[in-house]
Amino acid sequence: RELECGEKAALADVLIHFGYGKVTTNIVEASNNVHVTYWSKDWNIARLHYQVSTNLSVIQSCMTNLYTKCGP
């Protein structure tokens, strides 16, 4: 088990695409991935959309809670 973990740790620079935060366990797919340059922008936009929508939901929840407790 330690040997397998050591082998995967040695290949971390090949298996992890830091441009879009994806880990690929298949070495062939990781080294020959054409979508790395194209998917990065889409992934970043999707991540930003998720963060913004989550923050807006939290703000709306807080405002609803305040309105319920304190009134208008």
N, C-alpha and C. Protein backbone atom coordinates (compact mmCIF):
# COMPACT_ATOMS: atom_id res chain seq x y z
N ARG A 1 0.83 -1.20 0.00
CA ARG A 1 0.00 0.00 0.00
C ARG A 1 0.87 1.25 0.00
N GLU A 2 1.92 1.26 0.79
CA GLU A 2 2.82 2.42 0.82
C GLU A 2 3.52 2.61 -0.51
N LEU A 3 3.84 1.49 -1.18
CA LEU A 3 4.50 1.57 -2.48
C LEU A 3 3.58 2.24 -3.50
N GLU A 4 2.31 1.86 -3.48
CA GLU A 4 1.36 2.46 -4.43
C GLU A 4 1.19 3.96 -4.16
N CYS A 5 1.12 4.34 -2.89
CA CYS A 5 0.99 5.76 -2.55
C CYS A 5 2.24 6.53 -2.98
N GLY A 6 3.40 5.92 -2.82
CA GLY A 6 4.64 6.56 -3.23
C GLY A 6 4.70 6.77 -4.73
N GLU A 7 4.21 5.80 -5.49
CA GLU A 7 4.20 5.93 -6.95
C GLU A 7 3.25 7.05 -7.38
N LYS A 8 2.08 7.12 -6.78
CA LYS A 8 1.13 8.18 -7.13
C LYS A 8 1.66 9.55 -6.72
N ALA A 9 2.34 9.63 -5.58
CA ALA A 9 2.91 10.90 -5.14
C ALA A 9 4.00 11.37 -6.09
N ALA A 10 4.77 10.43 -6.63
CA ALA A 10 5.83 10.79 -7.57
C ALA A 10 5.25 11.31 -8.89
N LEU A 11 4.05 10.89 -9.23
CA LEU A 11 3.42 11.33 -10.48
C LEU A 11 2.47 12.51 -10.28
N ALA A 12 2.53 13.16 -9.14
CA ALA A 12 1.58 14.25 -8.84
C ALA A 12 1.65 15.37 -9.85
N ASP A 13 2.85 15.70 -10.33
CA ASP A 13 2.96 16.80 -11.29
C ASP A 13 2.33 16.45 -12.63
N VAL A 14 2.19 15.17 -12.94
CA VAL A 14 1.55 14.75 -14.19
C VAL A 14 0.04 14.59 -14.00
N LEU A 15 -0.37 14.10 -12.84
CA LEU A 15 -1.77 13.77 -12.62
C LEU A 15 -2.63 14.96 -12.22
N ILE A 16 -2.03 16.00 -11.66
CA ILE A 16 -2.80 17.15 -11.20
C ILE A 16 -2.64 18.29 -12.20
N HIS A 17 -3.76 18.77 -12.71
CA HIS A 17 -3.75 19.93 -13.60
C HIS A 17 -4.10 21.15 -12.75
N PHE A 18 -3.11 21.94 -12.43
CA PHE A 18 -3.33 23.09 -11.56
C PHE A 18 -4.11 24.20 -12.27
N GLY A 19 -4.11 24.20 -13.59
CA GLY A 19 -4.82 25.23 -14.33
C GLY A 19 -6.31 25.22 -14.08
N TYR A 20 -6.89 24.05 -13.88
CA TYR A 20 -8.32 24.00 -13.61
C TYR A 20 -8.68 23.08 -12.45
N GLY A 21 -7.70 22.75 -11.63
CA GLY A 21 -7.95 22.05 -10.38
C GLY A 21 -8.55 20.67 -10.52
N LYS A 22 -8.09 19.91 -11.51
CA LYS A 22 -8.63 18.57 -11.73
C LYS A 22 -7.53 17.54 -11.53
N VAL A 23 -7.87 16.46 -10.88
CA VAL A 23 -6.94 15.35 -10.71
C VAL A 23 -7.39 14.23 -11.63
N THR A 24 -6.47 13.71 -12.43
CA THR A 24 -6.76 12.62 -13.33
C THR A 24 -5.92 11.42 -12.91
N THR A 25 -6.56 10.31 -12.62
CA THR A 25 -5.82 9.14 -12.16
C THR A 25 -5.27 8.31 -13.32
N ASN A 26 -5.76 8.55 -14.51
CA ASN A 26 -5.27 7.85 -15.69
C ASN A 26 -4.11 8.64 -16.28
N ILE A 27 -2.92 8.05 -16.27
CA ILE A 27 -1.72 8.77 -16.71
C ILE A 27 -1.79 9.13 -18.19
N VAL A 28 -2.32 8.23 -19.01
CA VAL A 28 -2.42 8.50 -20.44
C VAL A 28 -3.36 9.67 -20.70
N GLU A 29 -4.48 9.68 -20.02
CA GLU A 29 -5.43 10.78 -20.19
C GLU A 29 -4.85 12.09 -19.69
N ALA A 30 -4.10 12.03 -18.61
CA ALA A 30 -3.52 13.25 -18.03
C ALA A 30 -2.46 13.86 -18.94
N SER A 31 -1.67 13.02 -19.60
CA SER A 31 -0.58 13.56 -20.42
C SER A 31 -1.04 13.95 -21.82
N ASN A 32 -2.18 13.43 -22.28
CA ASN A 32 -2.64 13.72 -23.64
C ASN A 32 -3.98 14.45 -23.64
N ASN A 33 -4.25 15.22 -22.63
CA ASN A 33 -5.54 15.88 -22.53
C ASN A 33 -5.53 17.17 -23.35
N VAL A 34 -6.36 17.23 -24.38
CA VAL A 34 -6.43 18.39 -25.25
C VAL A 34 -7.24 19.51 -24.60
N HIS A 35 -8.16 19.15 -23.73
CA HIS A 35 -9.09 20.12 -23.17
C HIS A 35 -8.51 20.95 -22.03
N VAL A 36 -7.27 20.74 -21.68
CA VAL A 36 -6.69 21.48 -20.56
C VAL A 36 -6.73 22.98 -20.82
N THR A 37 -6.36 23.40 -22.01
CA THR A 37 -6.31 24.83 -22.29
C THR A 37 -7.70 25.41 -22.51
N TYR A 38 -8.64 24.62 -22.98
CA TYR A 38 -9.97 25.13 -23.27
C TYR A 38 -10.90 25.06 -22.08
N TRP A 39 -10.74 24.05 -21.25
CA TRP A 39 -11.66 23.84 -20.15
C TRP A 39 -11.37 24.75 -18.97
N SER A 40 -10.17 25.27 -18.90
CA SER A 40 -9.77 26.08 -17.76
C SER A 40 -10.66 27.30 -17.60
N LYS A 41 -10.92 28.03 -18.68
CA LYS A 41 -11.74 29.24 -18.60
C LYS A 41 -13.18 28.90 -18.22
N ASP A 42 -13.74 27.87 -18.83
CA ASP A 42 -15.11 27.46 -18.51
C ASP A 42 -15.23 27.03 -17.06
N TRP A 43 -14.22 26.31 -16.58
CA TRP A 43 -14.25 25.83 -15.19
C TRP A 43 -14.18 27.01 -14.22
N ASN A 44 -13.33 27.99 -14.53
CA ASN A 44 -13.22 29.16 -13.66
C ASN A 44 -14.51 29.97 -13.64
N ILE A 45 -15.15 30.11 -14.79
CA ILE A 45 -16.42 30.84 -14.85
C ILE A 45 -17.49 30.09 -14.07
N ALA A 46 -17.54 28.77 -14.20
CA ALA A 46 -18.52 27.99 -13.45
C ALA A 46 -18.27 28.09 -11.95
N ARG A 47 -17.01 28.08 -11.55
CA ARG A 47 -16.68 28.18 -10.13
C ARG A 47 -17.08 29.55 -9.59
N LEU A 48 -16.81 30.61 -10.35
CA LEU A 48 -17.21 31.94 -9.92
C LEU A 48 -18.73 32.07 -9.83
N HIS A 49 -19.43 31.49 -10.79
CA HIS A 49 -20.89 31.52 -10.76
C HIS A 49 -21.41 30.82 -9.51
N TYR A 50 -20.82 29.69 -9.17
CA TYR A 50 -21.24 28.96 -7.97
C TYR A 50 -20.99 29.80 -6.72
N GLN A 51 -19.84 30.44 -6.63
CA GLN A 51 -19.52 31.25 -5.45
C GLN A 51 -20.47 32.44 -5.33
N VAL A 52 -20.74 33.10 -6.44
CA VAL A 52 -21.63 34.26 -6.40
C VAL A 52 -23.05 33.85 -6.03
N SER A 53 -23.55 32.79 -6.65
CA SER A 53 -24.92 32.37 -6.34
C SER A 53 -25.05 31.86 -4.91
N THR A 54 -24.01 31.21 -4.40
CA THR A 54 -24.03 30.77 -3.00
C THR A 54 -24.03 31.96 -2.06
N ASN A 55 -23.19 32.94 -2.35
CA ASN A 55 -23.15 34.14 -1.50
C ASN A 55 -24.47 34.89 -1.53
N LEU A 56 -25.08 35.00 -2.71
CA LEU A 56 -26.38 35.67 -2.80
C LEU A 56 -27.45 34.93 -2.02
N SER A 57 -27.40 33.61 -2.05
CA SER A 57 -28.37 32.82 -1.29
C SER A 57 -28.19 33.02 0.21
N VAL A 58 -26.95 33.11 0.66
CA VAL A 58 -26.69 33.34 2.08
C VAL A 58 -27.19 34.73 2.49
N ILE A 59 -26.93 35.73 1.65
CA ILE A 59 -27.39 37.08 1.95
C ILE A 59 -28.92 37.13 2.00
N GLN A 60 -29.57 36.49 1.04
CA GLN A 60 -31.03 36.47 1.02
C GLN A 60 -31.58 35.77 2.26
N SER A 61 -30.94 34.69 2.66
CA SER A 61 -31.37 33.96 3.85
C SER A 61 -31.24 34.83 5.10
N CYS A 62 -30.14 35.55 5.21
CA CYS A 62 -29.93 36.44 6.37
C CYS A 62 -30.95 37.57 6.39
N MET A 63 -31.23 38.14 5.23
CA MET A 63 -32.20 39.23 5.16
C MET A 63 -33.61 38.74 5.51
N THR A 64 -33.96 37.55 5.06
CA THR A 64 -35.26 36.98 5.39
C THR A 64 -35.37 36.74 6.89
N ASN A 65 -34.30 36.23 7.48
CA ASN A 65 -34.28 35.98 8.91
C ASN A 65 -34.41 37.29 9.70
N LEU A 66 -33.69 38.32 9.28
CA LEU A 66 -33.79 39.62 9.95
C LEU A 66 -35.18 40.22 9.81
N TYR A 67 -35.76 40.10 8.63
CA TYR A 67 -37.11 40.63 8.39
C TYR A 67 -38.13 39.92 9.28
N THR A 68 -37.95 38.60 9.44
CA THR A 68 -38.88 37.83 10.26
C THR A 68 -38.76 38.20 11.73
N LYS A 69 -37.54 38.39 12.21
CA LYS A 69 -37.32 38.68 13.63
C LYS A 69 -37.57 40.15 13.97
N CYS A 70 -37.10 41.06 13.15
CA CYS A 70 -37.15 42.49 13.48
C CYS A 70 -38.28 43.24 12.79
N GLY A 71 -38.79 42.70 11.72
CA GLY A 71 -39.83 43.40 10.98
C GLY A 71 -39.25 44.35 9.95
N PRO A 72 -40.12 45.05 9.22
CA PRO A 72 -39.64 45.93 8.15
C PRO A 72 -38.95 47.14 8.64
